[in-house]
Amino acid sequence: MANLRFAIPNDDDFAAATEAVANELAHALGAPRTWGTALEHDLSGWRRSAFGSRPGIDAELRLVFRAQGEAGGIDVLMFGTRYHPDTTSIYYTAARRT
């Protein structure tokens, strides 16, 4: 959450982005094997979804997740803005965490 807060310093915008992340997590949890797009290469086995921080906003946020066994849960590797405040791609950073 700290990176998201750093990227979105305005309180109202941050609150909206936090709600958008929670909603996206609920969607991913509801369909962990089909929601979003499958990733490749270093992130094979993981999925990503792109979504806006507010309705009508371009999809500037990302969630990187995978299905967790047969129980139906999810593992969340990362979420946040498409590019970190230092302009590092979220996918580059996610691949380094695996």
N, C-alpha and C. Protein backbone atom coordinates (compact mmCIF):
# COMPACT_ATOMS: atom_id res chain seq x y z
N MET A 1 0.82 -1.19 0.00
CA MET A 1 0.00 0.00 0.00
C MET A 1 0.87 1.26 0.00
N ALA A 2 2.07 1.15 0.54
CA ALA A 2 2.92 2.33 0.62
C ALA A 2 3.29 2.84 -0.78
N ASN A 3 3.60 1.94 -1.71
CA ASN A 3 3.91 2.37 -3.08
C ASN A 3 2.71 3.00 -3.75
N LEU A 4 1.52 2.45 -3.51
CA LEU A 4 0.31 3.02 -4.09
C LEU A 4 0.07 4.42 -3.51
N ARG A 5 0.28 4.55 -2.21
CA ARG A 5 0.10 5.85 -1.57
C ARG A 5 1.11 6.87 -2.11
N PHE A 6 2.35 6.43 -2.32
CA PHE A 6 3.37 7.31 -2.86
C PHE A 6 3.02 7.75 -4.27
N ALA A 7 2.47 6.82 -5.05
CA ALA A 7 2.10 7.13 -6.44
C ALA A 7 0.86 8.00 -6.53
N ILE A 8 -0.01 7.90 -5.53
CA ILE A 8 -1.28 8.65 -5.54
C ILE A 8 -1.39 9.42 -4.22
N PRO A 9 -0.77 10.58 -4.13
CA PRO A 9 -0.71 11.31 -2.86
C PRO A 9 -2.02 12.00 -2.43
N ASN A 10 -2.90 12.28 -3.37
CA ASN A 10 -4.17 12.95 -3.02
C ASN A 10 -5.06 11.98 -2.24
N ASP A 11 -5.59 12.41 -1.11
CA ASP A 11 -6.39 11.53 -0.24
C ASP A 11 -7.60 10.93 -0.94
N ASP A 12 -8.37 11.75 -1.66
CA ASP A 12 -9.57 11.24 -2.34
C ASP A 12 -9.20 10.25 -3.44
N ASP A 13 -8.17 10.55 -4.20
CA ASP A 13 -7.73 9.65 -5.27
C ASP A 13 -7.20 8.34 -4.70
N PHE A 14 -6.46 8.44 -3.59
CA PHE A 14 -5.93 7.23 -2.94
C PHE A 14 -7.06 6.36 -2.41
N ALA A 15 -8.07 6.96 -1.81
CA ALA A 15 -9.22 6.21 -1.30
C ALA A 15 -9.94 5.49 -2.44
N ALA A 16 -10.11 6.17 -3.56
CA ALA A 16 -10.75 5.55 -4.73
C ALA A 16 -9.90 4.40 -5.27
N ALA A 17 -8.58 4.59 -5.33
CA ALA A 17 -7.69 3.54 -5.82
C ALA A 17 -7.70 2.33 -4.89
N THR A 18 -7.74 2.58 -3.59
CA THR A 18 -7.80 1.48 -2.62
C THR A 18 -9.08 0.67 -2.80
N GLU A 19 -10.20 1.35 -3.01
CA GLU A 19 -11.46 0.67 -3.27
C GLU A 19 -11.40 -0.12 -4.58
N ALA A 20 -10.78 0.46 -5.60
CA ALA A 20 -10.64 -0.23 -6.89
C ALA A 20 -9.81 -1.50 -6.74
N VAL A 21 -8.74 -1.44 -5.95
CA VAL A 21 -7.91 -2.63 -5.70
C VAL A 21 -8.74 -3.70 -5.00
N ALA A 22 -9.51 -3.32 -3.99
CA ALA A 22 -10.35 -4.28 -3.26
C ALA A 22 -11.37 -4.93 -4.20
N ASN A 23 -11.98 -4.14 -5.06
CA ASN A 23 -12.94 -4.71 -6.02
C ASN A 23 -12.25 -5.67 -6.99
N GLU A 24 -11.05 -5.30 -7.44
CA GLU A 24 -10.33 -6.17 -8.38
C GLU A 24 -9.91 -7.47 -7.71
N LEU A 25 -9.52 -7.40 -6.45
CA LEU A 25 -9.19 -8.61 -5.69
C LEU A 25 -10.41 -9.54 -5.60
N ALA A 26 -11.59 -8.96 -5.39
CA ALA A 26 -12.82 -9.75 -5.32
C ALA A 26 -13.10 -10.44 -6.65
N HIS A 27 -12.90 -9.73 -7.76
CA HIS A 27 -13.09 -10.34 -9.09
C HIS A 27 -12.10 -11.48 -9.30
N ALA A 28 -10.84 -11.24 -8.97
CA ALA A 28 -9.81 -12.28 -9.14
C ALA A 28 -10.09 -13.49 -8.27
N LEU A 29 -10.55 -13.25 -7.05
CA LEU A 29 -10.87 -14.35 -6.14
C LEU A 29 -12.06 -15.16 -6.66
N GLY A 30 -12.99 -14.50 -7.32
CA GLY A 30 -14.17 -15.18 -7.86
C GLY A 30 -13.89 -16.05 -9.07
N ALA A 31 -12.86 -15.73 -9.82
CA ALA A 31 -12.51 -16.50 -11.03
C ALA A 31 -11.00 -16.51 -11.22
N PRO A 32 -10.25 -17.13 -10.30
CA PRO A 32 -8.80 -17.01 -10.31
C PRO A 32 -8.10 -17.63 -11.52
N ARG A 33 -8.74 -18.53 -12.21
CA ARG A 33 -8.11 -19.18 -13.36
C ARG A 33 -8.48 -18.53 -14.69
N THR A 34 -9.46 -17.63 -14.67
CA THR A 34 -9.91 -17.02 -15.92
C THR A 34 -9.90 -15.50 -15.91
N TRP A 35 -9.88 -14.88 -14.74
CA TRP A 35 -9.89 -13.42 -14.68
C TRP A 35 -8.55 -12.86 -15.16
N GLY A 36 -8.59 -11.80 -15.90
CA GLY A 36 -7.37 -11.16 -16.35
C GLY A 36 -6.72 -11.88 -17.51
N THR A 37 -5.43 -11.69 -17.65
CA THR A 37 -4.65 -12.22 -18.77
C THR A 37 -3.48 -13.02 -18.23
N ALA A 38 -3.23 -14.18 -18.82
CA ALA A 38 -2.09 -15.00 -18.42
C ALA A 38 -0.79 -14.29 -18.79
N LEU A 39 0.18 -14.36 -17.89
CA LEU A 39 1.49 -13.77 -18.15
C LEU A 39 2.45 -14.84 -18.64
N GLU A 40 3.54 -14.43 -19.24
CA GLU A 40 4.50 -15.35 -19.84
C GLU A 40 5.90 -15.12 -19.26
N HIS A 41 6.83 -15.92 -19.75
CA HIS A 41 8.25 -15.81 -19.43
C HIS A 41 8.47 -15.95 -17.93
N ASP A 42 9.13 -15.00 -17.30
CA ASP A 42 9.45 -15.11 -15.87
C ASP A 42 8.22 -15.14 -14.97
N LEU A 43 7.07 -14.73 -15.51
CA LEU A 43 5.84 -14.71 -14.71
C LEU A 43 4.84 -15.77 -15.19
N SER A 44 5.31 -16.79 -15.84
CA SER A 44 4.45 -17.88 -16.28
C SER A 44 3.75 -18.49 -15.06
N GLY A 45 2.45 -18.72 -15.20
CA GLY A 45 1.66 -19.24 -14.10
C GLY A 45 0.91 -18.15 -13.34
N TRP A 46 1.32 -16.92 -13.55
CA TRP A 46 0.66 -15.77 -12.92
C TRP A 46 -0.28 -15.11 -13.93
N ARG A 47 -1.23 -14.37 -13.45
CA ARG A 47 -2.17 -13.61 -14.28
C ARG A 47 -2.10 -12.15 -13.90
N ARG A 48 -2.55 -11.30 -14.78
CA ARG A 48 -2.61 -9.89 -14.47
C ARG A 48 -3.95 -9.33 -14.91
N SER A 49 -4.41 -8.36 -14.17
CA SER A 49 -5.59 -7.63 -14.59
C SER A 49 -5.26 -6.15 -14.55
N ALA A 50 -5.86 -5.42 -15.48
CA ALA A 50 -5.66 -3.97 -15.58
C ALA A 50 -6.99 -3.30 -15.27
N PHE A 51 -6.95 -2.25 -14.47
CA PHE A 51 -8.18 -1.58 -14.07
C PHE A 51 -7.89 -0.14 -13.68
N GLY A 52 -8.92 0.67 -13.74
CA GLY A 52 -8.78 2.08 -13.40
C GLY A 52 -9.02 2.32 -11.92
N SER A 53 -8.45 3.39 -11.42
CA SER A 53 -8.62 3.74 -10.01
C SER A 53 -10.00 4.34 -9.72
N ARG A 54 -10.68 4.75 -10.77
CA ARG A 54 -12.04 5.29 -10.67
C ARG A 54 -12.80 4.86 -11.92
N PRO A 55 -14.12 4.77 -11.85
CA PRO A 55 -14.89 4.47 -13.07
C PRO A 55 -14.61 5.51 -14.16
N GLY A 56 -14.42 5.03 -15.37
CA GLY A 56 -14.17 5.91 -16.50
C GLY A 56 -12.72 6.33 -16.68
N ILE A 57 -11.85 5.92 -15.78
CA ILE A 57 -10.42 6.25 -15.87
C ILE A 57 -9.72 5.13 -16.63
N ASP A 58 -8.74 5.48 -17.46
CA ASP A 58 -7.94 4.47 -18.14
C ASP A 58 -7.33 3.51 -17.11
N ALA A 59 -7.10 2.30 -17.54
CA ALA A 59 -6.60 1.26 -16.64
C ALA A 59 -5.13 1.50 -16.31
N GLU A 60 -4.90 2.31 -15.27
CA GLU A 60 -3.54 2.62 -14.87
C GLU A 60 -3.05 1.75 -13.72
N LEU A 61 -3.92 0.92 -13.16
CA LEU A 61 -3.54 0.03 -12.06
C LEU A 61 -3.44 -1.41 -12.55
N ARG A 62 -2.62 -2.19 -11.86
CA ARG A 62 -2.42 -3.59 -12.21
C ARG A 62 -2.47 -4.45 -10.96
N LEU A 63 -2.94 -5.69 -11.14
CA LEU A 63 -2.93 -6.72 -10.11
C LEU A 63 -2.25 -7.94 -10.71
N VAL A 64 -1.25 -8.48 -10.05
CA VAL A 64 -0.56 -9.69 -10.51
C VAL A 64 -0.87 -10.77 -9.47
N PHE A 65 -1.50 -11.87 -9.92
CA PHE A 65 -1.99 -12.90 -9.01
C PHE A 65 -1.97 -14.26 -9.69
N ARG A 66 -2.21 -15.32 -8.91
CA ARG A 66 -2.37 -16.66 -9.47
C ARG A 66 -3.34 -17.44 -8.59
N ALA A 67 -3.94 -18.45 -9.19
CA ALA A 67 -4.84 -19.33 -8.45
C ALA A 67 -4.02 -20.10 -7.42
N GLN A 68 -4.62 -20.35 -6.27
CA GLN A 68 -3.94 -21.04 -5.18
C GLN A 68 -4.54 -22.43 -5.01
N GLY A 69 -3.92 -23.41 -5.60
CA GLY A 69 -4.38 -24.79 -5.45
C GLY A 69 -5.82 -24.98 -5.86
N GLU A 70 -6.44 -26.00 -5.32
CA GLU A 70 -7.83 -26.32 -5.64
C GLU A 70 -8.82 -25.64 -4.69
N ALA A 71 -8.31 -24.99 -3.66
CA ALA A 71 -9.18 -24.37 -2.65
C ALA A 71 -9.91 -23.14 -3.18
N GLY A 72 -9.42 -22.58 -4.29
CA GLY A 72 -10.10 -21.44 -4.89
C GLY A 72 -9.57 -20.09 -4.45
N GLY A 73 -8.55 -20.05 -3.65
CA GLY A 73 -7.97 -18.78 -3.22
C GLY A 73 -7.01 -18.23 -4.27
N ILE A 74 -6.37 -17.12 -3.95
CA ILE A 74 -5.38 -16.53 -4.84
C ILE A 74 -4.13 -16.14 -4.05
N ASP A 75 -3.00 -16.16 -4.75
CA ASP A 75 -1.76 -15.57 -4.26
C ASP A 75 -1.62 -14.24 -4.98
N VAL A 76 -1.35 -13.18 -4.25
CA VAL A 76 -1.13 -11.87 -4.86
C VAL A 76 0.35 -11.56 -4.79
N LEU A 77 0.94 -11.37 -5.96
CA LEU A 77 2.36 -11.03 -6.02
C LEU A 77 2.57 -9.53 -5.89
N MET A 78 1.74 -8.76 -6.61
CA MET A 78 1.86 -7.30 -6.58
C MET A 78 0.55 -6.65 -7.00
N PHE A 79 0.38 -5.43 -6.60
CA PHE A 79 -0.66 -4.57 -7.15
C PHE A 79 -0.16 -3.15 -7.07
N GLY A 80 -0.66 -2.31 -7.93
CA GLY A 80 -0.26 -0.91 -7.90
C GLY A 80 -0.36 -0.29 -9.27
N THR A 81 0.30 0.84 -9.42
CA THR A 81 0.26 1.53 -10.70
C THR A 81 1.08 0.76 -11.73
N ARG A 82 0.73 0.95 -12.99
CA ARG A 82 1.43 0.24 -14.06
C ARG A 82 2.93 0.46 -13.97
N TYR A 83 3.31 1.67 -13.72
CA TYR A 83 4.72 1.99 -13.51
C TYR A 83 4.87 2.52 -12.10
N HIS A 84 5.89 2.05 -11.40
CA HIS A 84 6.17 2.57 -10.08
C HIS A 84 6.57 4.03 -10.19
N PRO A 85 6.53 4.75 -9.09
CA PRO A 85 6.90 6.17 -9.15
C PRO A 85 8.28 6.40 -9.77
N ASP A 86 9.17 5.41 -9.69
CA ASP A 86 10.49 5.55 -10.30
C ASP A 86 10.50 5.09 -11.76
N THR A 87 9.31 4.84 -12.34
CA THR A 87 9.06 4.41 -13.72
C THR A 87 9.45 2.97 -14.01
N THR A 88 9.79 2.19 -12.98
CA THR A 88 10.06 0.77 -13.17
C THR A 88 8.74 0.06 -13.44
N SER A 89 8.69 -0.78 -14.45
CA SER A 89 7.49 -1.53 -14.77
C SER A 89 7.11 -2.46 -13.63
N ILE A 90 5.83 -2.54 -13.34
CA ILE A 90 5.36 -3.44 -12.29
C ILE A 90 5.71 -4.90 -12.63
N TYR A 91 5.72 -5.25 -13.91
CA TYR A 91 6.03 -6.62 -14.30
C TYR A 91 7.51 -6.95 -14.08
N TYR A 92 8.38 -6.00 -14.33
CA TYR A 92 9.80 -6.19 -14.07
C TYR A 92 10.03 -6.42 -12.58
N THR A 93 9.40 -5.61 -11.76
CA THR A 93 9.53 -5.74 -10.32
C THR A 93 8.92 -7.05 -9.83
N ALA A 94 7.76 -7.42 -10.37
CA ALA A 94 7.10 -8.68 -9.99
C ALA A 94 7.97 -9.88 -10.33
N ALA A 95 8.59 -9.89 -11.50
CA ALA A 95 9.43 -11.00 -11.91
C ALA A 95 10.63 -11.16 -10.96
N ARG A 96 11.11 -10.07 -10.44
CA ARG A 96 12.24 -10.13 -9.51
C ARG A 96 11.81 -10.67 -8.15
N ARG A 97 10.52 -10.66 -7.85
CA ARG A 97 10.02 -11.18 -6.56
C ARG A 97 9.75 -12.67 -6.59
N THR A 98 9.68 -13.27 -7.78
CA THR A 98 9.37 -14.71 -7.83
C THR A 98 10.57 -15.56 -7.57
